[in-house]
Amino acid sequence: MKVTVKLYGTLSQRFPGYQHTQGIEVEIPEGATVQDLLALLEISESQGAVVIVEGRVLKADDKLPCRVPVGVFQSIRGG
């Protein structure tokens, strides 16, 4: 299934030519999880990405819905 992903923070720098207004379209298998998507995008768990769908923060093992835009946010750290 195809999913439109919008990247926030410095995550978009990983994809040359990325345009936030369009996002990127990726092909993932039916029933893919958040963890599967992040692996496909080569975003490691240590980068602390937060995945949001329809205003809801998803966990790593949550399945991604079909045809719903996905936001991948870079977590903010510091002190």
N, C-alpha and C. Protein backbone atom coordinates (compact mmCIF):
# COMPACT_ATOMS: atom_id res chain seq x y z
N MET A 1 0.84 -1.17 0.00
CA MET A 1 0.00 0.00 0.00
C MET A 1 0.88 1.24 0.00
N LYS A 2 0.36 2.31 -0.54
CA LYS A 2 1.12 3.56 -0.59
C LYS A 2 0.70 4.46 0.55
N VAL A 3 1.71 5.11 1.14
CA VAL A 3 1.48 6.02 2.26
C VAL A 3 2.24 7.31 1.99
N THR A 4 1.60 8.43 2.22
CA THR A 4 2.27 9.73 2.10
C THR A 4 2.83 10.09 3.47
N VAL A 5 4.13 10.40 3.49
CA VAL A 5 4.83 10.70 4.73
C VAL A 5 5.34 12.13 4.68
N LYS A 6 5.06 12.88 5.74
CA LYS A 6 5.62 14.22 5.88
C LYS A 6 6.63 14.18 7.02
N LEU A 7 7.80 14.71 6.75
CA LEU A 7 8.90 14.68 7.71
C LEU A 7 9.10 16.05 8.33
N TYR A 8 9.37 16.07 9.63
CA TYR A 8 9.54 17.32 10.35
C TYR A 8 10.91 17.35 11.02
N GLY A 9 11.38 18.56 11.30
CA GLY A 9 12.71 18.72 11.89
C GLY A 9 13.77 18.44 10.82
N THR A 10 14.90 17.94 11.25
CA THR A 10 15.99 17.68 10.30
C THR A 10 15.83 16.36 9.55
N LEU A 11 14.79 15.60 9.85
CA LEU A 11 14.58 14.32 9.16
C LEU A 11 14.45 14.50 7.65
N SER A 12 13.90 15.61 7.22
CA SER A 12 13.71 15.83 5.78
C SER A 12 15.04 15.98 5.04
N GLN A 13 16.11 16.31 5.75
CA GLN A 13 17.41 16.48 5.09
C GLN A 13 17.97 15.16 4.57
N ARG A 14 17.41 14.06 5.00
CA ARG A 14 17.88 12.74 4.55
C ARG A 14 17.43 12.44 3.11
N PHE A 15 16.48 13.23 2.60
CA PHE A 15 15.89 12.96 1.30
C PHE A 15 16.07 14.17 0.38
N PRO A 16 17.09 14.14 -0.47
CA PRO A 16 17.34 15.27 -1.37
C PRO A 16 16.10 15.58 -2.21
N GLY A 17 15.79 16.86 -2.32
CA GLY A 17 14.65 17.28 -3.11
C GLY A 17 13.32 17.17 -2.39
N TYR A 18 13.35 16.80 -1.10
CA TYR A 18 12.11 16.66 -0.33
C TYR A 18 11.38 18.00 -0.28
N GLN A 19 10.07 17.96 -0.55
CA GLN A 19 9.24 19.15 -0.46
C GLN A 19 8.13 18.88 0.55
N HIS A 20 8.12 19.66 1.62
CA HIS A 20 7.19 19.39 2.71
C HIS A 20 5.73 19.46 2.27
N THR A 21 5.40 20.34 1.34
CA THR A 21 4.00 20.46 0.93
C THR A 21 3.49 19.18 0.29
N GLN A 22 4.39 18.40 -0.32
CA GLN A 22 3.99 17.16 -0.98
C GLN A 22 4.32 15.93 -0.13
N GLY A 23 5.34 16.02 0.71
CA GLY A 23 5.80 14.84 1.45
C GLY A 23 6.43 13.85 0.49
N ILE A 24 6.60 12.63 0.95
CA ILE A 24 7.09 11.58 0.07
C ILE A 24 6.12 10.41 0.12
N GLU A 25 6.00 9.73 -0.98
CA GLU A 25 5.12 8.57 -1.04
C GLU A 25 5.98 7.31 -1.00
N VAL A 26 5.66 6.42 -0.08
CA VAL A 26 6.41 5.18 0.06
C VAL A 26 5.45 4.00 -0.07
N GLU A 27 5.99 2.91 -0.51
CA GLU A 27 5.23 1.67 -0.65
C GLU A 27 5.59 0.77 0.51
N ILE A 28 4.58 0.39 1.29
CA ILE A 28 4.79 -0.53 2.41
C ILE A 28 3.79 -1.68 2.28
N PRO A 29 4.12 -2.84 2.84
CA PRO A 29 3.19 -3.96 2.75
C PRO A 29 1.92 -3.71 3.57
N GLU A 30 0.84 -4.32 3.16
CA GLU A 30 -0.41 -4.26 3.92
C GLU A 30 -0.14 -4.77 5.34
N GLY A 31 -0.62 -4.06 6.34
CA GLY A 31 -0.41 -4.47 7.72
C GLY A 31 0.92 -4.04 8.31
N ALA A 32 1.65 -3.19 7.60
CA ALA A 32 2.96 -2.73 8.09
C ALA A 32 2.78 -1.89 9.35
N THR A 33 3.79 -1.93 10.20
CA THR A 33 3.76 -1.20 11.46
C THR A 33 4.60 0.08 11.35
N VAL A 34 4.51 0.88 12.40
CA VAL A 34 5.33 2.09 12.50
C VAL A 34 6.81 1.71 12.40
N GLN A 35 7.19 0.65 13.09
CA GLN A 35 8.59 0.19 13.07
C GLN A 35 9.02 -0.17 11.65
N ASP A 36 8.13 -0.80 10.89
CA ASP A 36 8.44 -1.15 9.49
C ASP A 36 8.68 0.11 8.66
N LEU A 37 7.83 1.12 8.85
CA LEU A 37 7.98 2.37 8.11
C LEU A 37 9.29 3.06 8.44
N LEU A 38 9.61 3.15 9.73
CA LEU A 38 10.85 3.81 10.13
C LEU A 38 12.07 3.06 9.59
N ALA A 39 12.01 1.74 9.56
CA ALA A 39 13.12 0.95 9.00
C ALA A 39 13.27 1.24 7.51
N LEU A 40 12.16 1.33 6.80
CA LEU A 40 12.20 1.64 5.37
C LEU A 40 12.81 3.02 5.12
N LEU A 41 12.49 3.97 5.99
CA LEU A 41 13.02 5.33 5.85
C LEU A 41 14.43 5.47 6.44
N GLU A 42 14.93 4.38 7.00
CA GLU A 42 16.26 4.34 7.62
C GLU A 42 16.36 5.36 8.76
N ILE A 43 15.32 5.41 9.56
CA ILE A 43 15.30 6.25 10.75
C ILE A 43 15.40 5.31 11.94
N SER A 44 16.51 5.37 12.64
CA SER A 44 16.75 4.44 13.74
C SER A 44 15.97 4.84 14.99
N GLU A 45 15.76 3.87 15.85
CA GLU A 45 15.05 4.11 17.10
C GLU A 45 15.78 5.14 17.96
N SER A 46 17.09 5.16 17.85
CA SER A 46 17.89 6.10 18.66
C SER A 46 17.65 7.56 18.26
N GLN A 47 17.09 7.79 17.08
CA GLN A 47 16.79 9.15 16.65
C GLN A 47 15.52 9.69 17.29
N GLY A 48 14.78 8.81 17.97
CA GLY A 48 13.62 9.24 18.72
C GLY A 48 12.49 9.82 17.89
N ALA A 49 12.24 9.27 16.72
CA ALA A 49 11.16 9.78 15.87
C ALA A 49 9.80 9.49 16.51
N VAL A 50 8.89 10.42 16.32
CA VAL A 50 7.52 10.27 16.80
C VAL A 50 6.62 10.25 15.57
N VAL A 51 5.79 9.21 15.46
CA VAL A 51 4.92 9.05 14.30
C VAL A 51 3.49 9.39 14.71
N ILE A 52 2.88 10.27 13.93
CA ILE A 52 1.53 10.73 14.23
C ILE A 52 0.63 10.51 13.02
N VAL A 53 -0.56 9.93 13.29
CA VAL A 53 -1.57 9.72 12.26
C VAL A 53 -2.89 10.27 12.81
N GLU A 54 -3.48 11.18 12.07
CA GLU A 54 -4.76 11.79 12.45
C GLU A 54 -4.74 12.32 13.88
N GLY A 55 -3.63 12.98 14.25
CA GLY A 55 -3.51 13.59 15.56
C GLY A 55 -3.20 12.64 16.70
N ARG A 56 -2.95 11.38 16.38
CA ARG A 56 -2.68 10.37 17.41
C ARG A 56 -1.24 9.88 17.30
N VAL A 57 -0.54 9.86 18.44
CA VAL A 57 0.83 9.35 18.46
C VAL A 57 0.76 7.82 18.45
N LEU A 58 1.49 7.21 17.52
CA LEU A 58 1.49 5.76 17.40
C LEU A 58 2.70 5.14 18.08
N LYS A 59 2.53 3.91 18.52
CA LYS A 59 3.63 3.13 19.09
C LYS A 59 4.30 2.34 17.97
N ALA A 60 5.48 1.83 18.25
CA ALA A 60 6.27 1.12 17.24
C ALA A 60 5.53 -0.07 16.63
N ASP A 61 4.71 -0.76 17.41
CA ASP A 61 4.04 -1.96 16.90
C ASP A 61 2.63 -1.69 16.37
N ASP A 62 2.20 -0.41 16.33
CA ASP A 62 0.90 -0.07 15.76
C ASP A 62 0.93 -0.21 14.25
N LYS A 63 -0.15 -0.74 13.70
CA LYS A 63 -0.25 -0.87 12.24
C LYS A 63 -0.66 0.46 11.64
N LEU A 64 -0.13 0.72 10.45
CA LEU A 64 -0.43 1.97 9.75
C LEU A 64 -1.69 1.80 8.92
N PRO A 65 -2.60 2.77 8.99
CA PRO A 65 -3.81 2.69 8.17
C PRO A 65 -3.51 3.01 6.71
N CYS A 66 -4.33 2.49 5.85
CA CYS A 66 -4.17 2.71 4.42
C CYS A 66 -4.67 4.10 4.03
N ARG A 67 -3.94 4.76 3.15
CA ARG A 67 -4.33 6.05 2.55
C ARG A 67 -4.52 7.19 3.54
N VAL A 68 -3.83 7.13 4.65
CA VAL A 68 -3.90 8.22 5.62
C VAL A 68 -2.51 8.83 5.74
N PRO A 69 -2.37 10.15 5.59
CA PRO A 69 -1.05 10.77 5.71
C PRO A 69 -0.42 10.51 7.08
N VAL A 70 0.89 10.32 7.04
CA VAL A 70 1.66 10.02 8.25
C VAL A 70 2.66 11.14 8.47
N GLY A 71 2.73 11.64 9.70
CA GLY A 71 3.73 12.65 10.05
C GLY A 71 4.81 12.00 10.89
N VAL A 72 6.06 12.23 10.53
CA VAL A 72 7.19 11.72 11.31
C VAL A 72 7.94 12.92 11.85
N PHE A 73 7.89 13.07 13.16
CA PHE A 73 8.49 14.21 13.83
C PHE A 73 9.78 13.81 14.52
N GLN A 74 10.72 14.70 14.48
CA GLN A 74 11.97 14.49 15.22
C GLN A 74 11.71 14.93 16.64
N SER A 75 11.98 14.06 17.59
CA SER A 75 11.75 14.45 18.98
C SER A 75 12.75 15.52 19.38
N ILE A 76 12.33 16.38 20.28
CA ILE A 76 13.18 17.46 20.74
C ILE A 76 13.78 17.06 22.08
N ARG A 77 15.07 17.19 22.16
CA ARG A 77 15.77 16.82 23.40
C ARG A 77 16.65 17.96 23.85
N GLY A 78 17.01 17.93 25.06
CA GLY A 78 17.91 18.95 25.56
C GLY A 78 17.56 19.31 27.00
N GLY A 79 18.23 20.29 27.49
CA GLY A 79 17.93 20.62 28.86
C GLY A 79 18.38 22.01 29.22
